[in-house]
Amino acid sequence: MIVALAYKYVAMTLMLAEINFCANRLHLSADLPIKEQDIKAMAVFPPRVIGFAGRIDTAKYSFSFAKSGRLRFITSLNDNRGNLSLREYQEQMSRIKSIINTKDAYQIATNWLAAMDVDVQRLEKENPHASRQQFFSAWQDDQKTNADKEVALPFFDVRWGDWVEPVIDVKIFGATGELLKLRQENDSYSMRPASLIKDSDKLLAIPDEEFMKYSPLELSNLVARFAVDLPVSREPTGVSDSTETKDFDQLVRRFGGTKDYQLIESPKNVKAWRTIGFKKNGEGIVVPANVISRLTKILTNGKSYLPPDWRDHCIHKPDLVFNFSDGTRSIDLFFCLDCKAVIPRSESGFKEQSPSPSYSIFEGNVSSEVAEISKTIFAK
């Protein structure tokens, strides 16, 4: 069945917007934002037959929508297998060492789901989870006999529900912590928009001949007319004079800029330490996804802070530090709970070295919320 060009255009535009929203939050190893010229293959299926469905492939990933406007399936297309047989491929991959374990894999997977607005709390309440590393049986030296020797592979699977037919399935490359696969077989746990297009019958009724004559402005208006809710991330533009934009820009500057702010807004993983001054004490503790969600909500809310020019007279001796990372970059946030200060330190050092590191003061009872969060983390 042929799909009207106008519907295809709007569907592709909105799918790409949703893909970029999620790819940005997942910190996918791709040049973002993904643009139309980056698309290697695309399909939009007849909505009257199977509902909203489509697929967009880039050089690195495949993104699929099925029966809703939610991005349900993400698959890495670069497995580096080439023409190797399965056993040759397994033997090659077994030489690669993992930097994570099953516990880390579970934490990474839950962080990704939370970043994609999946209701992790309800998901875990209704479905048991399991995190496993993949293994394969090695042959003895040159003999083609099964040695019953299990050899670890750098692949980790985290699944919710039945292992064979999971509700959600995540696969991670253990050598880098990169996403290889994320499948929402049941998307009812997603809080992303269930629909991307409204009045689809009217959109489908636009003749191809008419659509082909649309100007760039008319194409933009077409998308705006039929979009339910264009799912884009809020970015500081620096061009608006609105109070909201100014407050947001001010919030971004507190952490040293857009890139560091985005690390805090949607990290791949977070660890926490008790501190002795600005020195981390002992091994860091991996912060659970639900706690990360609480923490980022506080940190990215401009109302959590007193005005930037507010200063205290405390000699800061932080009690704890959180490290926010996307796998390639990270930022430390030190917390001095006595004076309600948060002090950012990026990989290049403190924002200011003299006379003292730049810091912000929490407003009211926010620091007590951070203290409660820390008690949850360091309970054991």
Protein backbone atom coordinates (compact mmCIF):
# COMPACT_ATOMS: atom_id res chain seq x y z
CA MET A 1 0.00 0.00 0.00
CA ILE A 2 1.37 3.39 -1.04
CA VAL A 3 1.79 6.01 1.71
CA ALA A 4 1.13 9.66 0.83
CA LEU A 5 4.30 11.74 0.50
CA ALA A 6 3.00 14.37 2.91
CA TYR A 7 2.50 11.73 5.62
CA LYS A 8 5.95 10.26 4.93
CA TYR A 9 7.57 13.69 5.25
CA VAL A 10 5.88 14.57 8.54
CA ALA A 11 6.49 11.09 9.96
CA MET A 12 10.19 11.21 9.03
CA THR A 13 10.61 14.69 10.52
CA LEU A 14 8.97 13.74 13.82
CA MET A 15 10.73 10.38 14.06
CA LEU A 16 14.04 12.15 13.56
CA ALA A 17 13.20 14.66 16.30
CA GLU A 18 12.33 11.85 18.73
CA ILE A 19 15.45 9.93 17.75
CA ASN A 20 17.63 12.97 18.45
CA PHE A 21 15.91 13.55 21.78
CA CYS A 22 16.70 9.99 22.88
CA ALA A 23 20.14 9.76 21.24
CA ASN A 24 21.23 12.90 23.06
CA ARG A 25 20.07 11.54 26.41
CA LEU A 26 21.69 8.16 25.76
CA HIS A 27 24.97 9.77 24.64
CA LEU A 28 25.10 7.51 21.60
CA SER A 29 28.44 7.37 19.80
CA ALA A 30 27.17 9.27 16.78
CA ASP A 31 27.43 12.79 15.45
CA LEU A 32 24.44 14.57 16.95
CA PRO A 33 22.02 15.84 16.01
CA ILE A 34 21.30 13.26 13.32
CA LYS A 35 20.29 15.10 10.16
CA GLU A 36 18.34 14.10 7.08
CA GLN A 37 21.56 13.68 5.11
CA ASP A 38 22.78 11.15 7.69
CA ILE A 39 19.92 8.77 6.89
CA LYS A 40 21.06 5.68 5.00
CA ALA A 41 17.67 3.96 4.82
CA MET A 42 14.14 4.91 5.84
CA ALA A 43 10.72 3.30 5.88
CA VAL A 44 7.29 4.66 6.83
CA PHE A 45 4.53 2.07 6.94
CA PRO A 46 0.80 2.49 6.12
CA PRO A 47 -0.79 3.80 9.35
CA ARG A 48 -4.25 2.46 8.49
CA VAL A 49 -2.84 -1.08 8.43
CA ILE A 50 -0.52 -1.28 11.47
CA GLY A 51 -0.76 2.14 13.11
CA PHE A 52 2.19 4.49 13.32
CA ALA A 53 5.38 2.62 12.42
CA GLY A 54 8.66 3.46 10.77
CA ARG A 55 12.40 2.92 10.74
CA ILE A 56 15.43 5.14 10.20
CA ASP A 57 18.93 3.73 9.72
CA THR A 58 22.16 5.71 9.96
CA ALA A 59 25.71 4.45 9.44
CA LYS A 60 25.89 3.36 13.09
CA TYR A 61 22.38 2.71 14.38
CA SER A 62 18.94 1.52 13.41
CA PHE A 63 15.94 3.20 15.07
CA SER A 64 12.45 1.70 14.90
CA PHE A 65 8.94 2.77 15.87
CA ALA A 66 6.07 0.29 16.06
CA LYS A 67 2.38 0.91 16.76
CA SER A 68 3.10 4.18 18.58
CA GLY A 69 5.14 7.34 18.40
CA ARG A 70 7.62 5.98 20.91
CA LEU A 71 11.11 4.97 19.88
CA ARG A 72 10.98 1.31 20.84
CA PHE A 73 14.01 -0.31 19.22
CA ILE A 74 17.61 0.92 18.95
CA THR A 75 20.23 -1.38 17.44
CA SER A 76 23.93 -0.80 16.79
CA LEU A 77 24.82 -1.76 13.21
CA ASN A 78 28.57 -2.03 13.82
CA ASP A 79 29.36 -5.50 15.22
CA ASN A 80 32.71 -5.76 13.35
CA ARG A 81 31.95 -9.38 12.52
CA GLY A 82 32.45 -9.08 8.80
CA ASN A 83 32.67 -12.52 7.14
CA LEU A 84 33.72 -14.35 10.31
CA SER A 85 31.81 -17.44 11.35
CA LEU A 86 30.03 -17.25 14.70
CA ARG A 87 32.78 -19.22 16.46
CA GLU A 88 35.57 -17.18 14.87
CA TYR A 89 33.76 -14.03 15.92
CA GLN A 90 33.29 -15.30 19.49
CA GLU A 91 36.94 -16.28 19.77
CA GLN A 92 37.99 -12.87 18.51
CA MET A 93 35.68 -11.04 20.93
CA SER A 94 36.75 -13.21 23.89
CA ARG A 95 40.17 -11.55 23.72
CA ILE A 96 38.59 -8.20 24.56
CA LYS A 97 38.45 -7.40 28.27
CA SER A 98 35.33 -5.93 29.84
CA ILE A 99 35.58 -2.89 32.08
CA ILE A 100 32.16 -3.52 33.66
CA ASN A 101 30.46 -6.36 35.52
CA THR A 102 26.83 -7.49 35.67
CA LYS A 103 26.05 -5.03 38.45
CA ASP A 104 27.49 -2.15 36.42
CA ALA A 105 25.56 -3.32 33.35
CA TYR A 106 22.30 -3.25 35.28
CA GLN A 107 23.05 0.25 36.54
CA ILE A 108 23.91 1.51 33.06
CA ALA A 109 20.77 -0.06 31.59
CA THR A 110 18.46 1.46 34.22
CA ASN A 111 20.12 4.86 33.72
CA TRP A 112 19.45 4.63 29.99
CA LEU A 113 15.82 3.68 30.52
CA ALA A 114 15.34 6.55 32.97
CA ALA A 115 16.97 8.93 30.46
CA MET A 116 14.42 7.79 27.86
CA ASP A 117 11.57 8.55 30.29
CA VAL A 118 10.79 4.92 31.06
CA ASP A 119 8.98 4.45 34.38
CA VAL A 120 11.72 2.28 35.87
CA GLN A 121 10.05 2.11 39.27
CA ARG A 122 6.84 0.60 37.85
CA LEU A 123 8.80 -1.60 35.44
CA GLU A 124 10.79 -3.16 38.29
CA LYS A 125 7.76 -3.49 40.51
CA GLU A 126 5.93 -5.53 37.88
CA ASN A 127 8.84 -7.38 36.25
CA PRO A 128 11.88 -9.11 37.77
CA HIS A 129 15.18 -8.13 36.19
CA ALA A 130 18.29 -10.17 35.41
CA SER A 131 21.76 -9.07 34.32
CA ARG A 132 24.06 -11.63 32.69
CA GLN A 133 27.37 -11.67 30.87
CA GLN A 134 27.59 -13.76 27.70
CA PHE A 135 29.91 -16.81 27.52
CA PHE A 136 30.77 -19.41 24.92
CA SER A 137 32.27 -22.92 25.08
CA ALA A 138 35.89 -22.97 23.92
CA TRP A 139 37.61 -25.81 22.05
CA GLN A 140 40.73 -27.46 23.43
CA ASP A 141 43.74 -26.05 21.62
CA ASP A 142 43.68 -27.42 18.07
CA GLN A 143 41.23 -30.24 18.81
CA LYS A 144 37.69 -29.64 17.68
CA THR A 145 36.23 -31.08 20.84
CA ASN A 146 34.13 -29.31 23.40
CA ALA A 147 36.25 -28.67 26.48
CA ASP A 148 33.29 -27.52 28.54
CA LYS A 149 35.30 -24.40 29.23
CA GLU A 150 33.15 -21.31 29.47
CA VAL A 151 34.93 -18.24 28.10
CA ALA A 152 33.64 -14.75 28.87
CA LEU A 153 32.57 -12.42 26.08
CA PRO A 154 32.42 -8.61 26.43
CA PHE A 155 28.65 -8.58 26.06
CA PHE A 156 26.10 -8.01 28.82
CA ASP A 157 22.34 -8.51 28.62
CA VAL A 158 19.94 -6.86 31.05
CA ARG A 159 16.32 -7.95 30.76
CA TRP A 160 13.05 -7.35 32.57
CA GLY A 161 10.33 -9.99 32.66
CA ASP A 162 10.78 -13.46 31.20
CA TRP A 163 14.37 -14.01 30.00
CA VAL A 164 13.29 -15.59 26.72
CA GLU A 165 10.50 -13.11 26.00
CA PRO A 166 11.45 -10.00 27.99
CA VAL A 167 9.38 -6.86 28.36
CA ILE A 168 12.52 -4.74 27.88
CA ASP A 169 15.90 -5.98 26.67
CA VAL A 170 19.21 -4.05 26.80
CA LYS A 171 22.58 -5.25 25.46
CA ILE A 172 25.85 -3.49 26.38
CA PHE A 173 29.39 -3.75 25.01
CA GLY A 174 31.48 -4.42 28.11
CA ALA A 175 34.72 -2.99 26.73
CA THR A 176 33.33 0.53 26.41
CA GLY A 177 29.91 0.54 28.10
CA GLU A 178 28.28 1.41 24.76
CA LEU A 179 24.72 0.54 23.85
CA LEU A 180 24.38 -2.33 21.39
CA LYS A 181 20.65 -2.90 21.66
CA LEU A 182 17.65 -1.48 23.47
CA ARG A 183 14.27 -3.07 22.80
CA GLN A 184 10.98 -2.07 24.42
CA GLU A 185 8.81 -5.02 23.49
CA ASN A 186 6.16 -3.51 25.75
CA ASP A 187 6.22 0.28 25.52
CA SER A 188 3.52 0.87 28.14
CA TYR A 189 6.27 1.76 30.64
CA SER A 190 7.47 4.63 28.44
CA MET A 191 6.30 8.12 29.35
CA ARG A 192 7.28 9.54 25.97
CA PRO A 193 4.43 10.79 23.70
CA ALA A 194 2.31 7.83 22.55
CA SER A 195 1.48 9.64 19.31
CA LEU A 196 3.54 11.92 17.10
CA ILE A 197 0.96 12.73 14.42
CA LYS A 198 -2.58 14.05 14.83
CA ASP A 199 -5.36 14.14 12.23
CA SER A 200 -3.54 11.50 10.19
CA ASP A 201 -6.52 10.99 7.86
CA LYS A 202 -6.33 14.65 6.79
CA LEU A 203 -2.58 14.35 6.31
CA LEU A 204 -2.98 11.19 4.24
CA ALA A 205 -5.55 12.96 2.07
CA ILE A 206 -3.07 15.56 0.79
CA PRO A 207 -2.36 14.67 -2.88
CA ASP A 208 1.27 13.96 -3.80
CA GLU A 209 1.00 16.52 -6.61
CA GLU A 210 0.08 19.25 -4.13
CA PHE A 211 2.76 18.25 -1.64
CA MET A 212 5.48 18.34 -4.30
CA LYS A 213 4.80 22.06 -4.80
CA TYR A 214 5.21 23.05 -1.12
CA SER A 215 7.83 25.68 -0.30
CA PRO A 216 10.22 25.22 2.68
CA LEU A 217 7.93 27.44 4.78
CA GLU A 218 4.87 25.40 3.81
CA LEU A 219 6.72 22.19 4.72
CA SER A 220 7.56 23.63 8.13
CA ASN A 221 3.94 24.69 8.65
CA LEU A 222 2.79 21.23 7.59
CA VAL A 223 4.84 19.60 10.33
CA ALA A 224 3.64 22.12 12.92
CA ARG A 225 0.02 21.55 11.89
CA PHE A 226 0.08 17.76 12.25
CA ALA A 227 2.62 17.29 15.06
CA VAL A 228 1.16 16.25 18.41
CA ASP A 229 4.20 17.44 20.32
CA LEU A 230 7.58 17.96 18.73
CA PRO A 231 9.87 16.10 21.20
CA VAL A 232 13.00 18.20 21.36
CA SER A 233 15.42 18.88 24.19
CA ARG A 234 15.53 22.35 25.68
CA GLU A 235 18.82 24.00 24.70
CA PRO A 236 20.15 27.40 25.73
CA THR A 237 20.05 29.59 22.63
CA GLY A 238 21.20 32.92 23.99
CA VAL A 239 18.83 34.76 21.65
CA SER A 240 15.69 35.07 23.76
CA ASP A 241 15.12 37.83 26.26
CA SER A 242 12.54 35.84 28.21
CA THR A 243 13.02 35.43 31.93
CA GLU A 244 12.84 31.65 31.58
CA THR A 245 15.68 31.55 29.03
CA LYS A 246 17.82 33.91 31.08
CA ASP A 247 17.30 31.76 34.19
CA PHE A 248 18.17 28.63 32.22
CA ASP A 249 21.34 30.21 30.79
CA GLN A 250 22.29 31.25 34.30
CA LEU A 251 21.76 27.68 35.50
CA VAL A 252 23.97 26.33 32.70
CA ARG A 253 26.74 28.76 33.65
CA ARG A 254 26.69 27.51 37.23
CA PHE A 255 28.14 24.22 35.97
CA GLY A 256 30.63 25.68 33.52
CA GLY A 257 28.70 25.51 30.24
CA THR A 258 26.29 23.49 28.13
CA LYS A 259 28.36 20.29 27.88
CA ASP A 260 28.87 20.01 31.64
CA TYR A 261 25.22 20.86 32.26
CA GLN A 262 24.15 18.07 29.88
CA LEU A 263 26.34 15.60 31.80
CA ILE A 264 24.37 16.43 34.93
CA GLU A 265 21.00 16.50 33.16
CA SER A 266 21.35 13.07 31.53
CA PRO A 267 24.40 11.10 32.72
CA LYS A 268 25.18 7.57 31.63
CA ASN A 269 26.31 6.73 35.16
CA VAL A 270 26.87 8.46 38.50
CA LYS A 271 29.14 7.49 41.40
CA ALA A 272 29.31 8.91 44.91
CA TRP A 273 32.08 9.20 47.50
CA ARG A 274 32.38 10.53 51.00
CA THR A 275 35.14 13.12 51.00
CA ILE A 276 37.91 14.48 53.15
CA GLY A 277 37.91 18.04 51.92
CA PHE A 278 38.23 17.77 48.15
CA LYS A 279 39.73 14.26 48.27
CA LYS A 280 37.58 11.24 47.44
CA ASN A 281 37.59 8.67 50.22
CA GLY A 282 37.65 4.98 49.26
CA GLU A 283 35.80 3.33 46.40
CA GLY A 284 32.93 5.12 44.74
CA ILE A 285 29.40 3.76 45.04
CA VAL A 286 27.29 3.38 41.90
CA VAL A 287 24.16 5.52 42.31
CA PRO A 288 20.86 3.78 41.40
CA ALA A 289 18.77 5.18 38.55
CA ASN A 290 15.86 6.29 40.76
CA VAL A 291 18.28 8.22 42.99
CA ILE A 292 19.96 9.81 39.96
CA SER A 293 16.54 10.97 38.82
CA ARG A 294 15.90 12.67 42.19
CA LEU A 295 19.34 14.25 42.21
CA THR A 296 19.27 15.62 38.65
CA LYS A 297 15.79 17.01 39.25
CA ILE A 298 17.17 19.09 42.13
CA LEU A 299 20.39 20.13 40.40
CA THR A 300 18.75 21.21 37.13
CA ASN A 301 16.03 23.24 38.84
CA GLY A 302 17.04 26.90 38.95
CA LYS A 303 14.77 27.41 41.95
CA SER A 304 17.08 25.17 44.00
CA TYR A 305 19.65 27.98 44.24
CA LEU A 306 20.02 31.41 45.72
CA PRO A 307 21.08 34.21 43.28
CA PRO A 308 24.55 33.74 41.73
CA ASP A 309 26.02 36.69 43.62
CA TRP A 310 25.05 35.14 46.98
CA ARG A 311 28.17 34.15 48.92
CA ASP A 312 28.88 32.80 52.39
CA HIS A 313 31.93 32.94 54.63
CA CYS A 314 32.40 29.21 54.98
CA ILE A 315 35.80 27.55 54.48
CA HIS A 316 34.46 24.76 52.32
CA LYS A 317 35.18 21.23 53.45
CA PRO A 318 32.89 19.09 51.30
CA ASP A 319 31.10 16.09 52.81
CA LEU A 320 30.50 14.18 49.58
CA VAL A 321 31.02 14.27 45.85
CA PHE A 322 29.03 12.93 42.91
CA ASN A 323 30.75 12.16 39.61
CA PHE A 324 28.48 12.48 36.54
CA SER A 325 29.80 10.70 33.43
CA ASP A 326 28.73 9.89 29.88
CA GLY A 327 31.54 7.34 29.43
CA THR A 328 33.96 9.78 27.78
CA ARG A 329 33.62 12.94 29.87
CA SER A 330 32.78 13.58 33.50
CA ILE A 331 32.27 16.30 36.08
CA ASP A 332 32.52 16.20 39.88
CA LEU A 333 30.04 18.06 42.09
CA PHE A 334 31.27 18.54 45.65
CA PHE A 335 28.71 19.25 48.37
CA CYS A 336 29.40 21.14 51.57
CA LEU A 337 26.21 20.40 53.49
CA ASP A 338 27.01 22.72 56.41
CA CYS A 339 26.91 25.84 54.24
CA LYS A 340 24.63 24.36 51.53
CA ALA A 341 27.23 24.85 48.79
CA VAL A 342 27.77 22.84 45.59
CA ILE A 343 31.15 23.18 43.89
CA PRO A 344 31.69 21.89 40.31
CA ARG A 345 35.03 20.49 39.13
CA SER A 346 35.33 19.48 35.49
CA GLU A 347 38.18 17.46 34.00
CA SER A 348 40.07 20.72 33.42
CA GLY A 349 39.84 21.60 37.11
CA PHE A 350 37.74 23.96 39.18
CA LYS A 351 35.82 26.66 37.33
CA GLU A 352 37.89 29.29 39.14
CA GLN A 353 41.20 28.69 40.91
CA SER A 354 41.54 32.04 42.63
CA PRO A 355 40.63 33.13 45.17
CA SER A 356 38.50 29.99 45.51
CA PRO A 357 36.53 27.58 43.32
CA SER A 358 33.24 28.90 41.96
CA TYR A 359 30.24 27.63 43.89
CA SER A 360 26.48 28.00 44.25
CA ILE A 361 24.35 28.08 47.40
CA PHE A 362 21.26 25.91 47.73
CA GLU A 363 18.04 27.69 48.63
CA GLY A 364 16.16 26.78 51.79
CA ASN A 365 15.76 23.07 52.48
CA VAL A 366 17.25 21.73 49.24
CA SER A 367 20.50 20.75 50.95
CA SER A 368 18.51 18.59 53.38
CA GLU A 369 17.10 16.74 50.35
CA VAL A 370 20.65 16.11 49.11
CA ALA A 371 21.58 14.94 52.62
CA GLU A 372 18.66 12.47 52.58
CA ILE A 373 19.76 11.23 49.16
CA SER A 374 23.29 10.67 50.48
CA LYS A 375 21.92 8.67 53.42
CA THR A 376 20.16 6.40 50.93
CA ILE A 377 23.39 5.85 48.99
CA PHE A 378 25.65 5.30 51.98
CA ALA A 379 23.10 3.33 54.01
CA LYS A 380 25.21 0.16 54.02
